[in-house]
Protein backbone atom coordinates (compact mmCIF):
# COMPACT_ATOMS: atom_id res chain seq x y z
CA MET A 1 109.16 -25.80 17.91
CA ILE A 2 106.06 -23.90 19.03
CA GLU A 3 106.79 -20.92 21.29
CA GLU A 4 105.25 -21.46 24.71
CA ILE A 5 104.76 -19.02 27.57
CA ILE A 6 103.84 -19.77 31.16
CA ILE A 7 101.67 -17.39 33.17
CA LEU A 8 100.02 -18.17 36.50
CA ASN A 9 100.98 -21.88 36.34
CA THR A 10 99.41 -22.12 32.89
CA HIS A 11 101.17 -23.14 29.66
CA ILE A 12 99.98 -21.27 26.55
CA HIS A 13 101.23 -21.59 22.98
CA ASN A 14 101.93 -18.28 21.28
CA LEU A 15 100.03 -18.78 18.03
CA THR A 16 97.64 -16.96 15.71
CA ILE A 17 94.45 -18.68 14.60
CA GLU A 18 95.94 -19.28 11.14
CA GLU A 19 99.03 -20.90 12.64
CA THR A 20 96.81 -23.09 14.85
CA LEU A 21 94.72 -24.21 11.86
CA SER A 22 97.86 -25.06 9.93
CA ILE A 23 99.19 -27.21 12.78
CA VAL A 24 95.88 -29.08 13.02
CA ASP A 25 95.71 -29.64 9.25
CA ASN A 26 99.28 -30.99 9.16
CA THR A 27 98.53 -33.26 12.11
CA ILE A 28 95.53 -34.79 10.31
CA ILE A 29 97.51 -35.22 7.09
CA LYS A 30 100.27 -37.06 8.97
CA GLY A 31 97.79 -39.23 10.88
CA ASN A 32 98.94 -38.00 14.29
CA GLN A 33 96.90 -36.68 17.20
CA ILE A 34 96.61 -33.32 18.97
CA HIS A 35 94.83 -32.82 22.28
CA HIS A 36 93.76 -29.17 22.07
CA CYS A 37 92.68 -26.90 24.91
CA VAL A 38 91.84 -23.23 25.41
CA VAL A 39 92.20 -21.16 28.57
CA ASN A 40 90.40 -18.03 29.72
CA ALA A 41 90.55 -16.00 32.92
CA GLY A 42 88.05 -18.19 34.78
CA LYS A 43 89.81 -21.42 33.90
CA ILE A 44 93.21 -20.04 34.92
CA VAL A 45 91.75 -19.02 38.28
CA ALA A 46 90.31 -22.53 38.74
CA MET A 47 93.67 -24.08 37.83
CA GLN A 48 95.33 -22.45 40.82
CA THR A 49 93.51 -24.81 43.20
CA ASP A 50 92.18 -27.62 40.97
CA LEU A 51 95.36 -29.60 40.37
CA GLN A 52 93.65 -32.22 38.21
CA LEU A 53 92.36 -29.49 35.90
CA ARG A 54 95.82 -27.91 35.82
CA GLN A 55 97.37 -31.22 34.80
CA SER A 56 94.67 -31.88 32.19
CA VAL A 57 95.26 -28.47 30.60
CA ASN A 58 99.05 -28.24 30.84
CA GLU A 59 99.61 -31.70 29.40
CA SER A 60 97.55 -30.85 26.31
CA ASP A 61 99.48 -30.75 23.04
CA LEU A 62 98.13 -27.39 21.92
CA ILE A 63 96.87 -24.63 24.21
CA ASN A 64 95.37 -21.35 22.96
CA ALA A 65 94.34 -18.23 24.86
CA ASP A 66 90.56 -17.96 24.55
CA GLY A 67 89.95 -14.65 26.28
CA GLN A 68 91.14 -11.10 25.79
CA ALA A 69 91.93 -10.90 29.51
CA VAL A 70 94.58 -13.59 29.07
CA VAL A 71 96.19 -11.63 26.22
CA TRP A 72 96.14 -8.51 28.43
CA ALA A 73 97.74 -10.43 31.29
CA SER A 74 100.47 -11.80 29.02
CA LYS A 75 101.45 -8.24 28.08
CA VAL A 76 101.37 -6.99 31.67
CA LEU A 77 103.60 -9.91 32.69
CA GLY A 78 106.08 -9.26 29.87
CA LYS A 79 105.22 -12.39 27.90
CA PRO A 80 103.00 -11.01 25.12
CA LEU A 81 100.78 -13.36 23.13
CA LYS A 82 100.27 -12.67 19.44
CA GLU A 83 96.48 -12.72 19.62
CA ARG A 84 93.43 -14.27 21.18
CA VAL A 85 92.34 -17.54 19.57
CA ALA A 86 88.71 -17.98 20.60
CA GLY A 87 87.57 -21.58 20.74
CA ILE A 88 84.37 -20.87 18.84
CA ASP A 89 86.26 -19.11 16.02
CA LEU A 90 88.66 -22.02 15.77
CA MET A 91 85.77 -24.50 15.73
CA ILE A 92 83.95 -22.63 12.95
CA ASN A 93 87.13 -22.53 10.86
CA LEU A 94 87.80 -26.21 11.50
CA VAL A 95 84.33 -27.22 10.29
CA GLU A 96 85.02 -25.31 7.08
CA LEU A 97 88.43 -27.01 6.83
CA ALA A 98 86.73 -30.39 7.29
CA HIS A 99 84.43 -29.61 4.38
CA LYS A 100 87.31 -28.55 2.14
CA LYS A 101 89.56 -31.49 3.02
CA ASN A 102 86.92 -34.23 3.44
CA TYR A 103 87.62 -34.64 7.16
CA LYS A 104 85.02 -36.14 9.49
CA VAL A 105 83.73 -34.36 12.61
CA PHE A 106 82.08 -35.77 15.76
CA PHE A 107 79.98 -33.32 17.82
CA PHE A 108 79.74 -34.28 21.50
CA GLY A 109 78.03 -32.22 24.20
CA ALA A 110 75.17 -29.89 25.16
CA LYS A 111 71.51 -30.91 25.29
CA GLU A 112 70.12 -33.21 22.61
CA ASP A 113 68.14 -30.48 20.83
CA ILE A 114 71.15 -28.14 20.83
CA VAL A 115 73.69 -30.59 19.40
CA LYS A 116 71.11 -31.79 16.84
CA THR A 117 70.55 -28.18 15.72
CA VAL A 118 74.31 -27.68 15.34
CA VAL A 119 74.62 -30.85 13.26
CA ASP A 120 71.63 -29.90 11.09
CA LYS A 121 73.02 -26.42 10.51
CA TYR A 122 76.48 -27.59 9.46
CA THR A 123 75.27 -30.48 7.29
CA GLU A 124 72.92 -28.06 5.52
CA GLN A 125 75.65 -25.40 5.15
CA TYR A 126 78.24 -27.87 3.87
CA SER A 127 77.07 -31.48 3.49
CA SER A 128 76.48 -34.62 5.53
CA ASN A 129 79.94 -35.79 4.41
CA ILE A 130 81.54 -33.87 7.29
CA LEU A 131 79.59 -35.80 9.91
CA ALA A 132 81.13 -38.75 11.78
CA GLY A 133 78.44 -38.66 14.46
CA TYR A 134 77.03 -36.76 17.42
CA ARG A 135 75.90 -37.27 21.00
CA ASN A 136 74.54 -35.07 23.79
CA GLY A 137 76.74 -34.26 26.78
CA TYR A 138 74.77 -35.99 29.52
CA PHE A 139 76.26 -39.23 30.81
CA LYS A 140 77.30 -41.11 33.92
CA LYS A 141 80.92 -41.54 34.93
CA GLU A 142 80.80 -45.25 34.16
CA GLU A 143 79.66 -44.50 30.57
CA GLN A 144 82.79 -42.50 29.71
CA GLN A 145 84.82 -45.30 28.16
CA ASP A 146 81.93 -46.58 26.03
CA ILE A 147 81.36 -43.07 24.69
CA ALA A 148 85.07 -42.67 23.93
CA LYS A 149 85.06 -45.99 22.07
CA GLU A 150 81.97 -44.94 20.08
CA ILE A 151 83.72 -41.74 19.01
CA ALA A 152 86.98 -43.54 18.18
CA ASN A 153 85.14 -46.06 15.99
CA SER A 154 83.15 -43.38 14.14
CA GLY A 155 86.00 -42.51 11.79
CA ALA A 156 86.21 -38.97 13.15
CA ASN A 157 89.26 -36.85 12.40
CA ILE A 158 88.01 -34.05 14.64
CA LEU A 159 86.13 -34.24 17.95
CA PHE A 160 84.43 -31.19 19.48
CA VAL A 161 83.43 -31.56 23.14
CA ALA A 162 80.89 -28.97 24.33
CA ILE A 163 80.85 -29.73 28.05
CA SER A 164 81.62 -27.35 30.92
CA SER A 165 84.98 -27.26 32.73
CA PRO A 166 86.53 -29.20 34.37
CA LYS A 167 84.42 -32.17 33.20
CA LYS A 168 85.38 -31.51 29.58
CA GLU A 169 89.13 -31.35 30.17
CA ASN A 170 89.10 -34.37 32.44
CA PHE A 171 87.07 -36.47 29.96
CA LEU A 172 89.56 -35.75 27.19
CA TYR A 173 92.59 -36.31 29.43
CA GLU A 174 91.32 -39.55 30.95
CA ASN A 175 90.27 -41.03 27.59
CA LYS A 176 93.16 -39.83 25.46
CA ALA A 177 94.41 -43.36 24.80
CA LEU A 178 90.97 -44.57 23.68
CA LEU A 179 90.64 -41.56 21.40
CA LYS A 180 94.08 -41.98 19.82
CA LYS A 181 92.59 -42.60 16.35
CA VAL A 182 90.96 -39.15 16.41
CA ASN A 183 93.43 -36.60 15.06
CA LEU A 184 92.10 -33.59 16.96
CA VAL A 185 90.26 -33.70 20.27
CA MET A 186 89.10 -30.27 21.38
CA GLY A 187 86.92 -28.83 24.11
CA VAL A 188 84.64 -26.04 22.86
CA GLY A 189 82.68 -25.07 26.00
CA GLY A 190 79.43 -23.29 25.17
CA SER A 191 80.12 -22.95 21.44
CA PHE A 192 77.25 -25.25 20.47
CA ASP A 193 74.82 -22.89 22.24
CA VAL A 194 76.08 -20.01 20.10
CA VAL A 195 76.09 -21.92 16.80
CA SER A 196 72.58 -23.24 17.47
CA GLY A 197 71.29 -19.73 18.12
CA LYS A 198 70.36 -20.36 21.74
CA VAL A 199 72.92 -17.77 22.88
CA LYS A 200 73.90 -14.65 20.96
CA ARG A 201 77.55 -13.76 20.65
CA ALA A 202 78.78 -10.27 21.50
CA PRO A 203 79.30 -7.78 18.65
CA LEU A 204 82.80 -7.80 17.19
CA TRP A 205 83.77 -4.47 18.77
CA MET A 206 82.97 -5.86 22.24
CA GLN A 207 85.04 -8.96 21.51
CA ASN A 208 87.98 -6.82 20.41
CA VAL A 209 88.02 -4.64 23.53
CA GLY A 210 87.58 -7.58 25.90
CA LEU A 211 83.93 -7.02 26.83
CA GLU A 212 82.49 -10.26 25.49
CA TRP A 213 82.12 -11.46 29.09
CA PHE A 214 79.95 -8.42 29.90
CA TYR A 215 77.64 -9.16 26.97
CA ARG A 216 77.34 -12.77 28.14
CA LEU A 217 76.64 -11.61 31.68
CA SER A 218 73.86 -9.30 30.48
CA GLN A 219 72.14 -12.25 28.78
CA GLU A 220 72.16 -14.57 31.80
CA PRO A 221 72.99 -12.51 34.91
CA ASN A 222 71.66 -15.01 37.45
CA ARG A 223 73.76 -17.84 36.05
CA MET A 224 76.88 -15.94 35.01
CA TRP A 225 77.46 -13.26 37.65
CA LYS A 226 79.67 -15.40 39.87
CA ARG A 227 81.74 -16.77 37.02
CA TYR A 228 82.51 -13.38 35.54
CA LEU A 229 82.40 -10.82 38.35
CA VAL A 230 84.04 -12.97 41.01
CA GLY A 231 86.24 -14.93 38.61
CA ASN A 232 87.52 -11.89 36.73
CA SER A 233 88.27 -10.05 39.97
CA LYS A 234 90.31 -13.01 41.22
CA PHE A 235 92.17 -13.14 37.91
CA ILE A 236 93.11 -9.45 38.08
CA ILE A 237 94.39 -9.91 41.64
CA LEU A 238 96.48 -12.92 40.56
CA VAL A 239 98.02 -10.93 37.69
CA ILE A 240 98.88 -7.99 39.95
CA LYS A 241 100.47 -10.29 42.53
CA GLU A 242 102.50 -12.02 39.82
CA ARG A 243 103.57 -8.73 38.25
CA PHE A 244 104.84 -7.23 41.50
CA GLY A 245 106.00 -10.43 43.15
CA LEU A 246 103.51 -10.18 46.01
């Protein structure tokens, strides 16, 4: 039984990245399915009012804390998480696992040139054997089921969905039955942008002290200021209220 904590109406599994990888590998070996999700401060804030997003996240099979702020909050609230499991780190490790174990990966999301760059990079680094298929993340609501069927019929063991929240979570939740043949379905947010080289990731020391958001903000201040400055402030207030019962 996986240890689970609940903070701010959000379920989170208390796992290291190695434990998460092991669970995914065993799931693929057994032919089962895991719907994976990560949460950060911004998503937890959104979940307080977006009940569909809350349901989509909390009914996932595996939920990791992707954000040092969430780990900090878990300690403040007396429910300490073992470590942060960043979605991009998990994705990178899963691609390597796919190469080692002959698993197939479908890359879904981002702009066409971005997802194509990601696919080219990984097939060059490993081989084309890891590739089940790919598709950009631009589609109409009525196209959802056809896309899900395409992915399901591709032979993919692993599906990465690089679409913004809550569209990503809702796509995976609403099409879970159609995607039942895919062993791992996982939202990866902006990870394709980082892997492609479009966006630089913060230095490791900034990641470790919880300042990755600040590095991201400095790269795209006009687009990111509201998400991080307003969102992080709301998250801190929520944690304080929860801690002191306000």
